[in-house]
Amino acid sequence: MTEPSPDTTQQFPAEEIPAAEAAAPAQEAEQAAPQDPITALTQEVERWKDMAYRSQAELDNFRKRSAREAQETRAYANGELLRALFPILDNFDMGLEAARAESEKSMIFMGMNMVNRQLQDFLRDSGVQEIESLGKAFDPNLHEAVAQEASAQAAEGTIIRVTRRGYKLKDRLLRAASVIVSSGPAQA
């Protein structure tokens, strides 16, 4: 008897076909798998580099901000001391005016005038500027209006008298100037 010839076509049961098809993507995944760790590691390296760059930028910004804040602190450190000095200067100015009223040739007036010049030089060297107010337009950022008076010589809103000087330290207001503002010509 002759044996049947082997069949060259294989027949798979219906259940095995999906398993075979499922094996194909697994083989592709295995072939792609060696690339995935490299890609994953490359992405991880890029992520860490990005974090390092960002951290470096944050550190640089922090250093710049700290330096700027330290400079501002040094520049304005004397602000409170200077504010405390202003009432003393006001009283000194009143004494100087009283000495001037008696005699500008008196030794008291000349001595007080020299001290006044030294004080003004000290303030200027410290970065303090007196706010120029007389004849200027009223600015609520720099001036404090204590009264309003009619004036034929000055337009409405113009400062006609300074009752207390104002000061700035560089660009910061230390004390607003107390002023009297014109309300314009008197109404009849």
N, C-alpha and C. Protein backbone atom coordinates (compact mmCIF):
# COMPACT_ATOMS: atom_id res chain seq x y z
N MET A 1 0.81 -1.14 0.00
CA MET A 1 0.00 0.00 0.00
C MET A 1 0.86 1.21 0.00
N THR A 2 0.39 2.09 -0.62
CA THR A 2 1.14 3.32 -0.70
C THR A 2 0.66 4.28 0.36
N GLU A 3 1.63 4.92 0.83
CA GLU A 3 1.26 5.89 1.87
C GLU A 3 0.83 7.19 1.20
N PRO A 4 -0.07 7.80 1.81
CA PRO A 4 -0.50 9.04 1.19
C PRO A 4 0.64 10.06 1.21
N SER A 5 0.74 10.83 0.20
CA SER A 5 1.80 11.84 0.12
C SER A 5 1.50 12.98 1.09
N PRO A 6 2.54 13.45 1.62
CA PRO A 6 2.28 14.53 2.56
C PRO A 6 1.69 15.74 1.85
N ASP A 7 0.76 16.30 2.48
CA ASP A 7 0.07 17.45 1.93
C ASP A 7 0.94 18.68 2.15
N THR A 8 1.22 19.39 1.11
CA THR A 8 2.08 20.57 1.22
C THR A 8 1.33 21.77 1.76
N THR A 9 0.09 21.75 1.71
CA THR A 9 -0.68 22.86 2.28
C THR A 9 -1.05 22.50 3.69
N GLN A 10 -0.72 23.32 4.52
CA GLN A 10 -1.08 23.07 5.91
C GLN A 10 -2.40 23.75 6.21
N GLN A 11 -3.11 23.10 6.97
CA GLN A 11 -4.38 23.67 7.38
C GLN A 11 -4.31 23.92 8.87
N PHE A 12 -4.64 25.10 9.24
CA PHE A 12 -4.65 25.47 10.65
C PHE A 12 -6.08 25.44 11.15
N PRO A 13 -6.22 24.95 12.32
CA PRO A 13 -7.56 25.06 12.86
C PRO A 13 -7.92 26.53 13.02
N ALA A 14 -9.17 26.81 13.04
CA ALA A 14 -9.65 28.18 13.11
C ALA A 14 -9.16 28.88 14.37
N GLU A 15 -8.93 28.15 15.42
CA GLU A 15 -8.51 28.78 16.66
C GLU A 15 -7.05 29.22 16.59
N GLU A 16 -6.24 28.55 15.79
CA GLU A 16 -4.82 28.86 15.76
C GLU A 16 -4.50 30.04 14.86
N ILE A 17 -5.33 30.39 13.96
CA ILE A 17 -5.05 31.49 13.02
C ILE A 17 -4.91 32.82 13.77
N PRO A 18 -5.84 33.17 14.63
CA PRO A 18 -5.64 34.44 15.33
C PRO A 18 -4.38 34.43 16.18
N ALA A 19 -3.99 33.30 16.74
CA ALA A 19 -2.78 33.24 17.54
C ALA A 19 -1.56 33.48 16.68
N ALA A 20 -1.56 32.94 15.48
CA ALA A 20 -0.45 33.14 14.57
C ALA A 20 -0.36 34.60 14.14
N GLU A 21 -1.50 35.17 13.86
CA GLU A 21 -1.51 36.59 13.47
C GLU A 21 -1.08 37.46 14.64
N ALA A 22 -1.44 37.06 15.82
CA ALA A 22 -1.04 37.82 17.01
C ALA A 22 0.45 37.72 17.24
N ALA A 23 1.06 36.61 16.82
CA ALA A 23 2.49 36.43 16.99
C ALA A 23 3.27 37.36 16.08
N ALA A 24 2.74 37.69 14.93
CA ALA A 24 3.44 38.56 13.99
C ALA A 24 3.69 39.95 14.58
N PRO A 25 2.70 40.62 15.16
CA PRO A 25 3.00 41.92 15.76
C PRO A 25 3.96 41.80 16.92
N ALA A 26 3.92 40.68 17.64
CA ALA A 26 4.86 40.49 18.75
C ALA A 26 6.28 40.42 18.22
N GLN A 27 6.46 39.75 17.06
CA GLN A 27 7.79 39.67 16.47
C GLN A 27 8.24 41.05 16.00
N GLU A 28 7.32 41.82 15.45
CA GLU A 28 7.65 43.18 15.02
C GLU A 28 8.02 44.03 16.23
N ALA A 29 7.30 43.82 17.32
CA ALA A 29 7.59 44.57 18.54
C ALA A 29 8.96 44.20 19.07
N GLU A 30 9.32 42.89 18.94
CA GLU A 30 10.64 42.47 19.40
C GLU A 30 11.72 43.10 18.55
N GLN A 31 11.45 43.21 17.24
CA GLN A 31 12.43 43.84 16.37
C GLN A 31 12.53 45.34 16.67
N ALA A 32 11.40 45.97 16.99
CA ALA A 32 11.40 47.39 17.31
C ALA A 32 11.87 47.64 18.73
N ALA A 33 11.75 46.65 19.58
CA ALA A 33 12.12 46.80 20.98
C ALA A 33 13.56 47.25 21.17
N PRO A 34 14.53 46.74 20.43
CA PRO A 34 15.88 47.24 20.63
C PRO A 34 15.99 48.75 20.36
N GLN A 35 15.16 49.31 19.48
CA GLN A 35 15.19 50.75 19.21
C GLN A 35 14.47 51.53 20.30
N ASP A 36 13.45 50.98 20.87
CA ASP A 36 12.69 51.68 21.90
C ASP A 36 13.54 52.05 23.10
N PRO A 37 14.37 51.17 23.65
CA PRO A 37 15.19 51.60 24.79
C PRO A 37 16.13 52.74 24.42
N ILE A 38 16.66 52.71 23.24
CA ILE A 38 17.55 53.79 22.81
C ILE A 38 16.77 55.09 22.67
N THR A 39 15.62 55.00 22.03
CA THR A 39 14.78 56.18 21.87
C THR A 39 14.33 56.68 23.23
N ALA A 40 13.92 55.74 24.08
CA ALA A 40 13.47 56.13 25.41
C ALA A 40 14.59 56.78 26.20
N LEU A 41 15.78 56.23 26.12
CA LEU A 41 16.91 56.82 26.83
C LEU A 41 17.29 58.18 26.25
N THR A 42 17.21 58.29 24.94
CA THR A 42 17.49 59.58 24.29
C THR A 42 16.49 60.63 24.75
N GLN A 43 15.22 60.25 24.80
CA GLN A 43 14.19 61.18 25.27
C GLN A 43 14.42 61.54 26.74
N GLU A 44 14.81 60.55 27.52
CA GLU A 44 15.09 60.79 28.94
C GLU A 44 16.27 61.76 29.10
N VAL A 45 17.31 61.56 28.30
CA VAL A 45 18.47 62.46 28.33
C VAL A 45 18.04 63.87 27.95
N GLU A 46 17.22 64.00 26.91
CA GLU A 46 16.75 65.32 26.48
C GLU A 46 15.91 65.98 27.57
N ARG A 47 15.09 65.19 28.23
CA ARG A 47 14.26 65.72 29.31
C ARG A 47 15.14 66.24 30.45
N TRP A 48 16.17 65.48 30.82
CA TRP A 48 17.07 65.91 31.89
C TRP A 48 17.88 67.13 31.48
N LYS A 49 18.29 67.17 30.20
CA LYS A 49 19.01 68.36 29.71
C LYS A 49 18.12 69.59 29.81
N ASP A 50 16.86 69.43 29.38
CA ASP A 50 15.91 70.54 29.44
C ASP A 50 15.72 71.01 30.88
N MET A 51 15.59 70.06 31.80
CA MET A 51 15.45 70.42 33.21
C MET A 51 16.70 71.13 33.72
N ALA A 52 17.86 70.68 33.29
CA ALA A 52 19.12 71.32 33.70
C ALA A 52 19.20 72.75 33.16
N TYR A 53 18.82 72.94 31.89
CA TYR A 53 18.83 74.29 31.31
C TYR A 53 17.86 75.20 32.04
N ARG A 54 16.68 74.69 32.33
CA ARG A 54 15.68 75.49 33.03
C ARG A 54 16.16 75.84 34.44
N SER A 55 16.74 74.87 35.11
CA SER A 55 17.26 75.12 36.46
C SER A 55 18.37 76.16 36.43
N GLN A 56 19.23 76.06 35.44
CA GLN A 56 20.31 77.04 35.29
C GLN A 56 19.75 78.44 35.03
N ALA A 57 18.73 78.52 34.17
CA ALA A 57 18.10 79.81 33.89
C ALA A 57 17.44 80.37 35.15
N GLU A 58 16.76 79.52 35.91
CA GLU A 58 16.14 79.97 37.15
C GLU A 58 17.19 80.47 38.13
N LEU A 59 18.30 79.77 38.23
CA LEU A 59 19.38 80.18 39.12
C LEU A 59 19.96 81.52 38.68
N ASP A 60 20.17 81.69 37.38
CA ASP A 60 20.68 82.97 36.87
C ASP A 60 19.70 84.10 37.18
N ASN A 61 18.41 83.86 36.95
CA ASN A 61 17.40 84.88 37.25
C ASN A 61 17.37 85.20 38.74
N PHE A 62 17.50 84.17 39.57
CA PHE A 62 17.52 84.38 41.02
C PHE A 62 18.72 85.24 41.42
N ARG A 63 19.87 84.95 40.85
CA ARG A 63 21.08 85.73 41.16
C ARG A 63 20.90 87.19 40.75
N LYS A 64 20.37 87.41 39.55
CA LYS A 64 20.16 88.78 39.07
C LYS A 64 19.17 89.52 39.95
N ARG A 65 18.06 88.83 40.29
CA ARG A 65 17.04 89.45 41.14
C ARG A 65 17.62 89.76 42.52
N SER A 66 18.39 88.85 43.07
CA SER A 66 19.00 89.07 44.39
C SER A 66 19.97 90.25 44.36
N ALA A 67 20.77 90.33 43.30
CA ALA A 67 21.72 91.44 43.17
C ALA A 67 20.97 92.77 43.05
N ARG A 68 19.89 92.78 42.26
CA ARG A 68 19.10 94.00 42.09
C ARG A 68 18.45 94.41 43.41
N GLU A 69 17.90 93.43 44.14
CA GLU A 69 17.27 93.74 45.43
C GLU A 69 18.30 94.23 46.45
N ALA A 70 19.49 93.64 46.44
CA ALA A 70 20.55 94.08 47.36
C ALA A 70 20.98 95.50 47.03
N GLN A 71 21.07 95.81 45.74
CA GLN A 71 21.45 97.16 45.33
C GLN A 71 20.38 98.17 45.76
N GLU A 72 19.10 97.81 45.57
CA GLU A 72 18.02 98.69 46.00
C GLU A 72 18.04 98.89 47.51
N THR A 73 18.30 97.82 48.24
CA THR A 73 18.35 97.91 49.70
C THR A 73 19.45 98.87 50.13
N ARG A 74 20.61 98.77 49.49
CA ARG A 74 21.71 99.70 49.82
C ARG A 74 21.34 101.13 49.44
N ALA A 75 20.71 101.29 48.28
CA ALA A 75 20.40 102.63 47.80
C ALA A 75 19.37 103.34 48.68
N TYR A 76 18.43 102.58 49.23
CA TYR A 76 17.35 103.19 50.00
C TYR A 76 17.42 102.87 51.49
N ALA A 77 18.55 102.36 51.95
CA ALA A 77 18.68 101.95 53.35
C ALA A 77 18.55 103.11 54.32
N ASN A 78 18.96 104.29 53.93
CA ASN A 78 18.94 105.45 54.81
C ASN A 78 17.60 106.17 54.81
N GLY A 79 16.63 105.66 54.10
CA GLY A 79 15.34 106.33 53.98
C GLY A 79 14.69 106.66 55.30
N GLU A 80 14.64 105.70 56.21
CA GLU A 80 14.00 105.93 57.51
C GLU A 80 14.77 106.96 58.34
N LEU A 81 16.08 106.88 58.30
CA LEU A 81 16.90 107.85 59.03
C LEU A 81 16.66 109.26 58.49
N LEU A 82 16.61 109.37 57.18
CA LEU A 82 16.39 110.68 56.57
C LEU A 82 15.00 111.21 56.89
N ARG A 83 13.99 110.33 56.88
CA ARG A 83 12.63 110.76 57.25
C ARG A 83 12.61 111.34 58.67
N ALA A 84 13.34 110.71 59.56
CA ALA A 84 13.39 111.19 60.95
C ALA A 84 14.13 112.53 61.04
N LEU A 85 15.01 112.81 60.10
CA LEU A 85 15.78 114.05 60.11
C LEU A 85 14.97 115.25 59.61
N PHE A 86 13.95 115.01 58.79
CA PHE A 86 13.21 116.12 58.17
C PHE A 86 12.53 117.05 59.17
N PRO A 87 11.87 116.57 60.22
CA PRO A 87 11.29 117.52 61.19
C PRO A 87 12.36 118.37 61.88
N ILE A 88 13.53 117.80 62.10
CA ILE A 88 14.63 118.57 62.69
C ILE A 88 15.06 119.67 61.72
N LEU A 89 15.14 119.34 60.44
CA LEU A 89 15.48 120.35 59.43
C LEU A 89 14.43 121.45 59.38
N ASP A 90 13.15 121.06 59.49
CA ASP A 90 12.08 122.06 59.49
C ASP A 90 12.26 123.05 60.64
N ASN A 91 12.54 122.52 61.83
CA ASN A 91 12.75 123.39 63.00
C ASN A 91 14.00 124.25 62.83
N PHE A 92 15.04 123.67 62.26
CA PHE A 92 16.27 124.43 62.03
C PHE A 92 16.00 125.58 61.05
N ASP A 93 15.21 125.31 60.00
CA ASP A 93 14.87 126.37 59.04
C ASP A 93 14.09 127.50 59.70
N MET A 94 13.17 127.14 60.61
CA MET A 94 12.42 128.18 61.32
C MET A 94 13.36 129.03 62.19
N GLY A 95 14.33 128.38 62.84
CA GLY A 95 15.32 129.12 63.63
C GLY A 95 16.18 130.00 62.75
N LEU A 96 16.55 129.52 61.58
CA LEU A 96 17.35 130.30 60.64
C LEU A 96 16.58 131.53 60.18
N GLU A 97 15.30 131.38 59.89
CA GLU A 97 14.48 132.52 59.46
C GLU A 97 14.32 133.54 60.60
N ALA A 98 14.19 133.04 61.82
CA ALA A 98 14.09 133.96 62.97
C ALA A 98 15.40 134.73 63.16
N ALA A 99 16.54 134.05 62.99
CA ALA A 99 17.84 134.72 63.11
C ALA A 99 18.02 135.73 61.98
N ARG A 100 17.53 135.40 60.79
CA ARG A 100 17.63 136.32 59.65
C ARG A 100 16.78 137.56 59.91
N ALA A 101 15.62 137.38 60.51
CA ALA A 101 14.72 138.51 60.79
C ALA A 101 15.38 139.50 61.75
N GLU A 102 16.19 139.00 62.67
CA GLU A 102 16.88 139.90 63.61
C GLU A 102 17.99 140.66 62.90
N SER A 103 18.89 139.93 62.24
CA SER A 103 19.97 140.59 61.51
C SER A 103 20.74 139.54 60.72
N GLU A 104 20.92 139.82 59.45
CA GLU A 104 21.68 138.89 58.61
C GLU A 104 23.17 139.00 58.89
N LYS A 105 23.58 140.02 59.63
CA LYS A 105 25.00 140.20 59.94
C LYS A 105 25.35 139.62 61.31
N SER A 106 24.36 139.09 62.02
CA SER A 106 24.66 138.55 63.35
C SER A 106 25.44 137.25 63.22
N MET A 107 26.27 137.00 64.23
CA MET A 107 27.09 135.78 64.23
C MET A 107 26.21 134.53 64.32
N ILE A 108 25.10 134.63 65.02
CA ILE A 108 24.20 133.48 65.14
C ILE A 108 23.65 133.11 63.76
N PHE A 109 23.20 134.12 63.02
CA PHE A 109 22.65 133.84 61.69
C PHE A 109 23.73 133.25 60.78
N MET A 110 24.93 133.84 60.80
CA MET A 110 26.00 133.34 59.91
C MET A 110 26.38 131.90 60.28
N GLY A 111 26.46 131.59 61.56
CA GLY A 111 26.78 130.23 61.99
C GLY A 111 25.68 129.24 61.58
N MET A 112 24.44 129.64 61.79
CA MET A 112 23.32 128.76 61.40
C MET A 112 23.27 128.57 59.89
N ASN A 113 23.62 129.62 59.15
CA ASN A 113 23.61 129.53 57.69
C ASN A 113 24.68 128.55 57.21
N MET A 114 25.86 128.56 57.86
CA MET A 114 26.92 127.60 57.49
C MET A 114 26.47 126.16 57.78
N VAL A 115 25.85 125.95 58.93
CA VAL A 115 25.34 124.61 59.27
C VAL A 115 24.27 124.19 58.26
N ASN A 116 23.43 125.13 57.86
CA ASN A 116 22.38 124.82 56.88
C ASN A 116 22.99 124.38 55.55
N ARG A 117 24.04 125.08 55.11
CA ARG A 117 24.71 124.68 53.86
C ARG A 117 25.30 123.28 53.97
N GLN A 118 25.91 122.98 55.12
CA GLN A 118 26.47 121.64 55.32
C GLN A 118 25.37 120.57 55.30
N LEU A 119 24.25 120.87 55.93
CA LEU A 119 23.13 119.92 55.92
C LEU A 119 22.61 119.70 54.50
N GLN A 120 22.48 120.78 53.74
CA GLN A 120 22.00 120.66 52.36
C GLN A 120 22.98 119.87 51.50
N ASP A 121 24.28 120.09 51.70
CA ASP A 121 25.30 119.32 50.97
C ASP A 121 25.23 117.84 51.34
N PHE A 122 25.05 117.56 52.63
CA PHE A 122 24.92 116.17 53.08
C PHE A 122 23.72 115.49 52.43
N LEU A 123 22.60 116.18 52.41
CA LEU A 123 21.39 115.60 51.80
C LEU A 123 21.61 115.35 50.31
N ARG A 124 22.21 116.31 49.63
CA ARG A 124 22.46 116.16 48.19
C ARG A 124 23.40 114.98 47.94
N ASP A 125 24.46 114.86 48.73
CA ASP A 125 25.41 113.76 48.57
C ASP A 125 24.78 112.40 48.89
N SER A 126 23.75 112.41 49.72
CA SER A 126 23.05 111.17 50.08
C SER A 126 21.99 110.79 49.06
N GLY A 127 21.82 111.62 48.03
CA GLY A 127 20.84 111.32 46.99
C GLY A 127 19.47 111.91 47.26
N VAL A 128 19.37 112.78 48.27
CA VAL A 128 18.09 113.40 48.61
C VAL A 128 17.92 114.66 47.77
N GLN A 129 16.73 114.81 47.19
CA GLN A 129 16.43 116.00 46.41
C GLN A 129 15.19 116.65 46.99
N GLU A 130 15.26 117.96 47.12
CA GLU A 130 14.07 118.69 47.56
C GLU A 130 13.11 118.77 46.39
N ILE A 131 11.84 118.61 46.66
CA ILE A 131 10.82 118.69 45.61
C ILE A 131 10.55 120.17 45.34
N GLU A 132 10.84 120.60 44.13
CA GLU A 132 10.57 121.98 43.73
C GLU A 132 9.07 122.12 43.56
N SER A 133 8.47 123.03 44.30
CA SER A 133 7.01 123.11 44.29
C SER A 133 6.48 124.49 43.93
N LEU A 134 7.08 125.54 44.44
CA LEU A 134 6.55 126.89 44.28
C LEU A 134 6.41 127.25 42.80
N GLY A 135 5.19 127.66 42.41
CA GLY A 135 4.92 128.05 41.03
C GLY A 135 4.65 126.87 40.10
N LYS A 136 4.74 125.67 40.60
CA LYS A 136 4.49 124.47 39.77
C LYS A 136 3.03 124.06 39.89
N ALA A 137 2.60 123.23 38.96
CA ALA A 137 1.25 122.68 39.02
C ALA A 137 1.18 121.65 40.15
N PHE A 138 0.05 121.62 40.83
CA PHE A 138 -0.14 120.67 41.93
C PHE A 138 -0.12 119.24 41.39
N ASP A 139 0.68 118.39 42.02
CA ASP A 139 0.78 116.97 41.66
C ASP A 139 0.50 116.16 42.92
N PRO A 140 -0.62 115.44 42.97
CA PRO A 140 -0.95 114.69 44.18
C PRO A 140 0.06 113.59 44.52
N ASN A 141 0.91 113.23 43.58
CA ASN A 141 1.95 112.24 43.85
C ASN A 141 3.13 112.83 44.62
N LEU A 142 3.27 114.16 44.54
CA LEU A 142 4.41 114.83 45.18
C LEU A 142 4.00 115.84 46.25
N HIS A 143 2.76 116.30 46.17
CA HIS A 143 2.32 117.38 47.04
C HIS A 143 1.11 116.98 47.88
N GLU A 144 1.02 117.62 49.03
CA GLU A 144 -0.14 117.47 49.91
C GLU A 144 -0.73 118.87 50.07
N ALA A 145 -1.94 119.06 49.55
CA ALA A 145 -2.59 120.38 49.63
C ALA A 145 -3.17 120.55 51.03
N VAL A 146 -2.74 121.60 51.72
CA VAL A 146 -3.27 121.86 53.06
C VAL A 146 -4.30 122.98 53.04
N ALA A 147 -4.31 123.76 51.95
CA ALA A 147 -5.29 124.84 51.82
C ALA A 147 -5.36 125.26 50.36
N GLN A 148 -6.43 126.02 50.08
CA GLN A 148 -6.60 126.57 48.75
C GLN A 148 -6.96 128.04 48.93
N GLU A 149 -6.29 128.90 48.16
CA GLU A 149 -6.52 130.34 48.28
C GLU A 149 -6.72 130.94 46.90
N ALA A 150 -7.51 132.01 46.88
CA ALA A 150 -7.70 132.74 45.63
C ALA A 150 -6.44 133.54 45.34
N SER A 151 -6.07 133.60 44.06
CA SER A 151 -4.88 134.34 43.67
C SER A 151 -5.07 134.87 42.26
N ALA A 152 -4.90 136.18 42.12
CA ALA A 152 -5.02 136.79 40.80
C ALA A 152 -3.76 136.54 39.97
N GLN A 153 -2.62 136.28 40.63
CA GLN A 153 -1.36 136.09 39.93
C GLN A 153 -1.15 134.65 39.45
N ALA A 154 -1.79 133.68 40.06
CA ALA A 154 -1.53 132.28 39.72
C ALA A 154 -2.80 131.61 39.21
N ALA A 155 -2.62 130.77 38.22
CA ALA A 155 -3.75 130.03 37.66
C ALA A 155 -4.24 128.99 38.66
N GLU A 156 -5.45 128.54 38.46
CA GLU A 156 -6.02 127.51 39.34
C GLU A 156 -5.16 126.24 39.29
N GLY A 157 -4.88 125.67 40.45
CA GLY A 157 -4.08 124.44 40.53
C GLY A 157 -2.59 124.68 40.65
N THR A 158 -2.17 125.95 40.69
CA THR A 158 -0.76 126.28 40.82
C THR A 158 -0.42 126.46 42.30
N ILE A 159 0.74 126.00 42.69
CA ILE A 159 1.18 126.11 44.09
C ILE A 159 1.68 127.53 44.33
N ILE A 160 1.07 128.19 45.33
CA ILE A 160 1.44 129.58 45.62
C ILE A 160 2.28 129.71 46.89
N ARG A 161 2.26 128.69 47.77
CA ARG A 161 3.09 128.73 48.97
C ARG A 161 3.40 127.30 49.42
N VAL A 162 4.61 127.14 49.97
CA VAL A 162 5.03 125.84 50.52
C VAL A 162 5.08 125.98 52.03
N THR A 163 4.32 125.15 52.73
CA THR A 163 4.31 125.22 54.20
C THR A 163 5.29 124.22 54.82
N ARG A 164 5.62 123.17 54.10
CA ARG A 164 6.60 122.19 54.56
C ARG A 164 7.24 121.56 53.32
N ARG A 165 8.54 121.58 53.28
CA ARG A 165 9.25 121.05 52.11
C ARG A 165 9.07 119.54 51.97
N GLY A 166 9.10 119.09 50.72
CA GLY A 166 9.03 117.66 50.43
C GLY A 166 10.37 117.19 49.89
N TYR A 167 10.62 115.87 50.05
CA TYR A 167 11.92 115.32 49.64
C TYR A 167 11.74 113.98 48.94
N LYS A 168 12.67 113.72 48.03
CA LYS A 168 12.75 112.42 47.36
C LYS A 168 14.14 111.86 47.57
N LEU A 169 14.23 110.55 47.71
CA LEU A 169 15.52 109.85 47.74
C LEU A 169 15.62 109.14 46.41
N LYS A 170 16.51 109.64 45.55
CA LYS A 170 16.63 109.18 44.17
C LYS A 170 15.25 109.30 43.51
N ASP A 171 14.56 108.21 43.24
CA ASP A 171 13.26 108.32 42.58
C ASP A 171 12.08 108.02 43.51
N ARG A 172 12.36 107.80 44.80
CA ARG A 172 11.29 107.48 45.76
C ARG A 172 10.93 108.70 46.61
N LEU A 173 9.65 108.87 46.80
CA LEU A 173 9.17 109.96 47.64
C LEU A 173 9.40 109.61 49.10
N LEU A 174 10.10 110.49 49.81
CA LEU A 174 10.29 110.31 51.25
C LEU A 174 9.23 111.06 52.05
N ARG A 175 8.94 112.28 51.59
CA ARG A 175 7.91 113.08 52.25
C ARG A 175 7.32 114.03 51.22
N ALA A 176 6.00 114.06 51.15
CA ALA A 176 5.31 114.97 50.23
C ALA A 176 5.43 116.40 50.75
N ALA A 177 5.49 117.33 49.84
CA ALA A 177 5.53 118.75 50.22
C ALA A 177 4.13 119.20 50.59
N SER A 178 4.00 119.90 51.71
CA SER A 178 2.72 120.48 52.10
C SER A 178 2.63 121.85 51.46
N VAL A 179 1.56 122.07 50.70
CA VAL A 179 1.47 123.28 49.88
C VAL A 179 0.09 123.91 49.98
N ILE A 180 0.06 125.19 49.59
CA ILE A 180 -1.20 125.91 49.43
C ILE A 180 -1.36 126.14 47.94
N VAL A 181 -2.54 125.80 47.45
CA VAL A 181 -2.80 125.80 46.01
C VAL A 181 -3.75 126.94 45.66
N SER A 182 -3.50 127.55 44.50
CA SER A 182 -4.35 128.63 44.02
C SER A 182 -5.68 128.08 43.52
N SER A 183 -6.75 128.81 43.86
CA SER A 183 -8.07 128.45 43.33
C SER A 183 -8.43 129.37 42.17
N GLY A 184 -7.45 130.16 41.72
CA GLY A 184 -7.68 131.10 40.63
C GLY A 184 -8.07 132.46 41.19
N PRO A 185 -8.46 133.39 40.31
CA PRO A 185 -8.85 134.73 40.78
C PRO A 185 -10.08 134.65 41.69
N ALA A 186 -10.16 135.61 42.61
CA ALA A 186 -11.28 135.65 43.56
C ALA A 186 -12.58 135.92 42.81
N GLN A 187 -13.62 135.24 43.23
CA GLN A 187 -14.95 135.45 42.64
C GLN A 187 -15.60 136.66 43.30
N ALA A 188 -16.16 137.53 42.49
CA ALA A 188 -16.78 138.75 43.04
C ALA A 188 -18.20 138.54 43.45
